[in-house]
Amino acid sequence: MSGSAGRRRFIAGATCPRCGEVDKVFTQIRSIEIPGQGAGSEQRERGCVSCDFLETISDVDSSDKLTEESKTEAGGTWSPVKLPE
């Protein structure tokens, strides 16, 4: 299995779950190619540049679209809010 990382996006104010450093956490999408299978998939990862922490958050499905109401992992729901201009 091989993969290539995309552009890192840093998360302002985020704290690393391993070392506790602030403003060192990033997210990236990594393309995963599986030998013997035609199509690859993508995984979302988060990591820390201070302590080399890296974990997979979830698989990215290209057919996922933002819906009016989405379920969270905890089972709750959320809806986007339009702020007044």
N, C-alpha and C. Protein backbone atom coordinates (compact mmCIF):
# COMPACT_ATOMS: atom_id res chain seq x y z
N MET A 1 0.86 -1.18 0.00
CA MET A 1 0.00 0.00 0.00
C MET A 1 0.90 1.23 0.00
N SER A 2 0.65 2.15 -0.92
CA SER A 2 1.41 3.39 -0.96
C SER A 2 0.44 4.55 -0.91
N GLY A 3 0.97 5.73 -0.62
CA GLY A 3 0.09 6.87 -0.53
C GLY A 3 0.86 8.16 -0.73
N SER A 4 0.13 9.20 -1.06
CA SER A 4 0.74 10.50 -1.19
C SER A 4 -0.10 11.50 -0.41
N ALA A 5 0.58 12.36 0.31
CA ALA A 5 -0.11 13.34 1.15
C ALA A 5 -0.41 14.59 0.34
N GLY A 6 -1.53 15.20 0.65
CA GLY A 6 -1.89 16.46 0.03
C GLY A 6 -1.33 17.62 0.83
N ARG A 7 -1.82 18.79 0.55
CA ARG A 7 -1.36 19.99 1.23
C ARG A 7 -1.81 19.98 2.68
N ARG A 8 -0.93 20.34 3.59
CA ARG A 8 -1.27 20.41 5.01
C ARG A 8 -2.01 21.72 5.28
N ARG A 9 -3.08 21.62 6.07
CA ARG A 9 -3.83 22.80 6.49
C ARG A 9 -3.75 22.88 8.01
N PHE A 10 -3.20 23.95 8.52
CA PHE A 10 -3.04 24.09 9.95
C PHE A 10 -4.32 24.63 10.58
N ILE A 11 -4.60 24.16 11.79
CA ILE A 11 -5.82 24.52 12.50
C ILE A 11 -5.46 25.52 13.59
N ALA A 12 -5.89 26.76 13.43
CA ALA A 12 -5.56 27.81 14.39
C ALA A 12 -6.17 27.51 15.76
N GLY A 13 -5.35 27.58 16.80
CA GLY A 13 -5.82 27.40 18.16
C GLY A 13 -5.97 25.95 18.59
N ALA A 14 -5.69 24.99 17.71
CA ALA A 14 -5.85 23.57 18.06
C ALA A 14 -4.67 23.12 18.92
N THR A 15 -4.96 22.22 19.86
CA THR A 15 -3.95 21.67 20.76
C THR A 15 -3.69 20.22 20.39
N CYS A 16 -2.43 19.84 20.32
CA CYS A 16 -2.06 18.47 20.00
C CYS A 16 -2.49 17.53 21.13
N PRO A 17 -3.16 16.42 20.81
CA PRO A 17 -3.59 15.49 21.85
C PRO A 17 -2.43 14.75 22.51
N ARG A 18 -1.27 14.71 21.88
CA ARG A 18 -0.13 14.00 22.45
C ARG A 18 0.77 14.93 23.28
N CYS A 19 1.28 16.00 22.66
CA CYS A 19 2.26 16.84 23.35
C CYS A 19 1.68 18.11 23.96
N GLY A 20 0.47 18.50 23.56
CA GLY A 20 -0.18 19.67 24.14
C GLY A 20 0.23 21.00 23.52
N GLU A 21 1.06 20.98 22.49
CA GLU A 21 1.47 22.22 21.82
C GLU A 21 0.27 22.83 21.09
N VAL A 22 0.20 24.15 21.09
CA VAL A 22 -0.88 24.87 20.43
C VAL A 22 -0.37 25.38 19.09
N ASP A 23 -1.26 25.40 18.09
CA ASP A 23 -0.97 25.90 16.74
C ASP A 23 0.06 25.07 15.98
N LYS A 24 0.20 23.80 16.29
CA LYS A 24 1.11 22.91 15.57
C LYS A 24 0.35 21.77 14.89
N VAL A 25 -0.99 21.78 14.98
CA VAL A 25 -1.83 20.70 14.48
C VAL A 25 -2.28 21.02 13.05
N PHE A 26 -2.26 20.01 12.19
CA PHE A 26 -2.67 20.17 10.80
C PHE A 26 -3.59 19.02 10.40
N THR A 27 -4.31 19.21 9.28
CA THR A 27 -5.06 18.14 8.65
C THR A 27 -4.56 18.02 7.22
N GLN A 28 -4.70 16.83 6.67
CA GLN A 28 -4.34 16.59 5.27
C GLN A 28 -5.15 15.42 4.76
N ILE A 29 -5.29 15.35 3.45
CA ILE A 29 -5.97 14.22 2.82
C ILE A 29 -4.91 13.43 2.08
N ARG A 30 -4.83 12.14 2.39
CA ARG A 30 -3.82 11.26 1.78
C ARG A 30 -4.51 10.31 0.81
N SER A 31 -3.98 10.24 -0.42
CA SER A 31 -4.49 9.30 -1.42
C SER A 31 -3.85 7.94 -1.17
N ILE A 32 -4.68 6.92 -1.07
CA ILE A 32 -4.21 5.57 -0.80
C ILE A 32 -4.44 4.72 -2.05
N GLU A 33 -3.38 4.09 -2.52
CA GLU A 33 -3.48 3.19 -3.67
C GLU A 33 -3.25 1.77 -3.18
N ILE A 34 -4.18 0.89 -3.47
CA ILE A 34 -4.08 -0.50 -3.05
C ILE A 34 -3.68 -1.34 -4.26
N PRO A 35 -2.53 -2.03 -4.20
CA PRO A 35 -2.08 -2.84 -5.34
C PRO A 35 -3.11 -3.91 -5.71
N GLY A 36 -3.32 -4.10 -7.00
CA GLY A 36 -4.26 -5.10 -7.47
C GLY A 36 -5.68 -4.59 -7.61
N GLN A 37 -5.94 -3.38 -7.12
CA GLN A 37 -7.28 -2.79 -7.26
C GLN A 37 -7.14 -1.52 -8.07
N GLY A 38 -8.07 -1.32 -8.98
CA GLY A 38 -7.98 -0.18 -9.87
C GLY A 38 -8.07 1.17 -9.18
N ALA A 39 -9.07 1.35 -8.38
CA ALA A 39 -9.30 2.66 -7.79
C ALA A 39 -8.73 2.73 -6.38
N GLY A 40 -8.19 3.88 -6.03
CA GLY A 40 -7.71 4.11 -4.68
C GLY A 40 -8.76 4.84 -3.88
N SER A 41 -8.43 5.14 -2.65
CA SER A 41 -9.34 5.91 -1.81
C SER A 41 -8.54 7.01 -1.13
N GLU A 42 -9.22 7.82 -0.38
CA GLU A 42 -8.57 8.92 0.32
C GLU A 42 -8.88 8.83 1.81
N GLN A 43 -7.90 9.21 2.63
CA GLN A 43 -8.09 9.24 4.07
C GLN A 43 -7.76 10.63 4.58
N ARG A 44 -8.54 11.11 5.53
CA ARG A 44 -8.25 12.38 6.17
C ARG A 44 -7.42 12.07 7.41
N GLU A 45 -6.35 12.82 7.59
CA GLU A 45 -5.46 12.62 8.73
C GLU A 45 -5.25 13.93 9.46
N ARG A 46 -4.93 13.83 10.75
CA ARG A 46 -4.50 15.00 11.50
C ARG A 46 -3.17 14.65 12.15
N GLY A 47 -2.34 15.66 12.33
CA GLY A 47 -1.03 15.42 12.88
C GLY A 47 -0.47 16.65 13.55
N CYS A 48 0.72 16.50 14.13
CA CYS A 48 1.40 17.58 14.83
C CYS A 48 2.82 17.67 14.31
N VAL A 49 3.28 18.87 13.99
CA VAL A 49 4.63 19.04 13.49
C VAL A 49 5.66 19.06 14.62
N SER A 50 5.23 19.22 15.87
CA SER A 50 6.16 19.23 17.00
C SER A 50 6.58 17.83 17.43
N CYS A 51 5.63 16.91 17.54
CA CYS A 51 5.94 15.59 18.08
C CYS A 51 5.73 14.46 17.07
N ASP A 52 5.46 14.78 15.80
CA ASP A 52 5.24 13.79 14.74
C ASP A 52 4.04 12.89 14.98
N PHE A 53 3.07 13.36 15.78
CA PHE A 53 1.80 12.65 15.98
C PHE A 53 1.06 12.62 14.65
N LEU A 54 0.47 11.48 14.29
CA LEU A 54 -0.33 11.36 13.08
C LEU A 54 -1.39 10.30 13.28
N GLU A 55 -2.65 10.63 12.96
CA GLU A 55 -3.72 9.65 13.06
C GLU A 55 -4.70 9.84 11.92
N THR A 56 -5.36 8.75 11.53
CA THR A 56 -6.38 8.80 10.50
C THR A 56 -7.69 9.20 11.16
N ILE A 57 -8.33 10.22 10.61
CA ILE A 57 -9.61 10.68 11.16
C ILE A 57 -10.75 9.88 10.56
N SER A 58 -10.79 9.79 9.22
CA SER A 58 -11.86 9.05 8.55
C SER A 58 -11.52 8.86 7.09
N ASP A 59 -12.24 7.96 6.45
CA ASP A 59 -12.13 7.82 5.01
C ASP A 59 -12.93 8.94 4.36
N VAL A 60 -12.42 9.49 3.29
CA VAL A 60 -13.11 10.57 2.58
C VAL A 60 -13.85 9.96 1.41
N ASP A 61 -15.14 10.18 1.34
CA ASP A 61 -15.96 9.67 0.24
C ASP A 61 -16.27 10.83 -0.68
N SER A 62 -15.85 10.72 -1.93
CA SER A 62 -16.03 11.83 -2.87
C SER A 62 -17.50 12.10 -3.16
N SER A 63 -18.39 11.15 -2.85
CA SER A 63 -19.80 11.37 -3.10
C SER A 63 -20.48 12.07 -1.93
N ASP A 64 -19.74 12.27 -0.80
CA ASP A 64 -20.31 12.98 0.34
C ASP A 64 -20.59 14.42 -0.04
N LYS A 65 -21.77 14.88 0.29
CA LYS A 65 -22.15 16.27 0.07
C LYS A 65 -22.63 16.83 1.40
N LEU A 66 -22.46 18.14 1.58
CA LEU A 66 -22.97 18.79 2.77
C LEU A 66 -24.48 18.82 2.69
N THR A 67 -25.14 18.28 3.66
CA THR A 67 -26.60 18.24 3.66
C THR A 67 -27.13 19.27 4.64
N GLU A 68 -28.41 19.55 4.56
CA GLU A 68 -29.03 20.52 5.46
C GLU A 68 -28.93 20.06 6.91
N GLU A 69 -29.01 18.76 7.15
CA GLU A 69 -28.92 18.24 8.50
C GLU A 69 -28.05 17.00 8.47
N SER A 70 -27.00 16.98 9.25
CA SER A 70 -26.07 15.85 9.27
C SER A 70 -25.96 15.28 10.67
N LYS A 71 -25.72 13.98 10.75
CA LYS A 71 -25.55 13.34 12.04
C LYS A 71 -24.09 13.39 12.46
N THR A 72 -23.84 13.58 13.75
CA THR A 72 -22.49 13.56 14.28
C THR A 72 -22.17 12.17 14.78
N GLU A 73 -20.90 11.92 15.12
CA GLU A 73 -20.50 10.62 15.64
C GLU A 73 -21.20 10.32 16.97
N ALA A 74 -21.51 11.35 17.74
CA ALA A 74 -22.16 11.15 19.03
C ALA A 74 -23.65 10.85 18.89
N GLY A 75 -24.17 10.93 17.67
CA GLY A 75 -25.57 10.61 17.44
C GLY A 75 -26.47 11.83 17.36
N GLY A 76 -25.95 13.01 17.66
CA GLY A 76 -26.74 14.22 17.58
C GLY A 76 -26.82 14.71 16.15
N THR A 77 -27.56 15.77 15.92
CA THR A 77 -27.64 16.34 14.59
C THR A 77 -27.25 17.81 14.66
N TRP A 78 -26.86 18.33 13.53
CA TRP A 78 -26.54 19.75 13.43
C TRP A 78 -27.06 20.28 12.12
N SER A 79 -27.31 21.56 12.09
CA SER A 79 -27.77 22.22 10.88
C SER A 79 -26.92 23.47 10.67
N PRO A 80 -26.55 23.79 9.45
CA PRO A 80 -25.80 25.01 9.21
C PRO A 80 -26.66 26.24 9.51
N VAL A 81 -26.02 27.28 9.98
CA VAL A 81 -26.73 28.50 10.34
C VAL A 81 -26.24 29.62 9.45
N LYS A 82 -27.16 30.38 8.88
CA LYS A 82 -26.77 31.53 8.06
C LYS A 82 -26.77 32.76 8.95
N LEU A 83 -25.60 33.42 9.03
CA LEU A 83 -25.46 34.59 9.86
C LEU A 83 -25.94 35.82 9.10
N PRO A 84 -26.53 36.78 9.82
CA PRO A 84 -26.97 38.01 9.15
C PRO A 84 -25.77 38.80 8.67
N GLU A 85 -25.94 39.50 7.57
CA GLU A 85 -24.83 40.27 7.00
C GLU A 85 -24.70 41.61 7.65
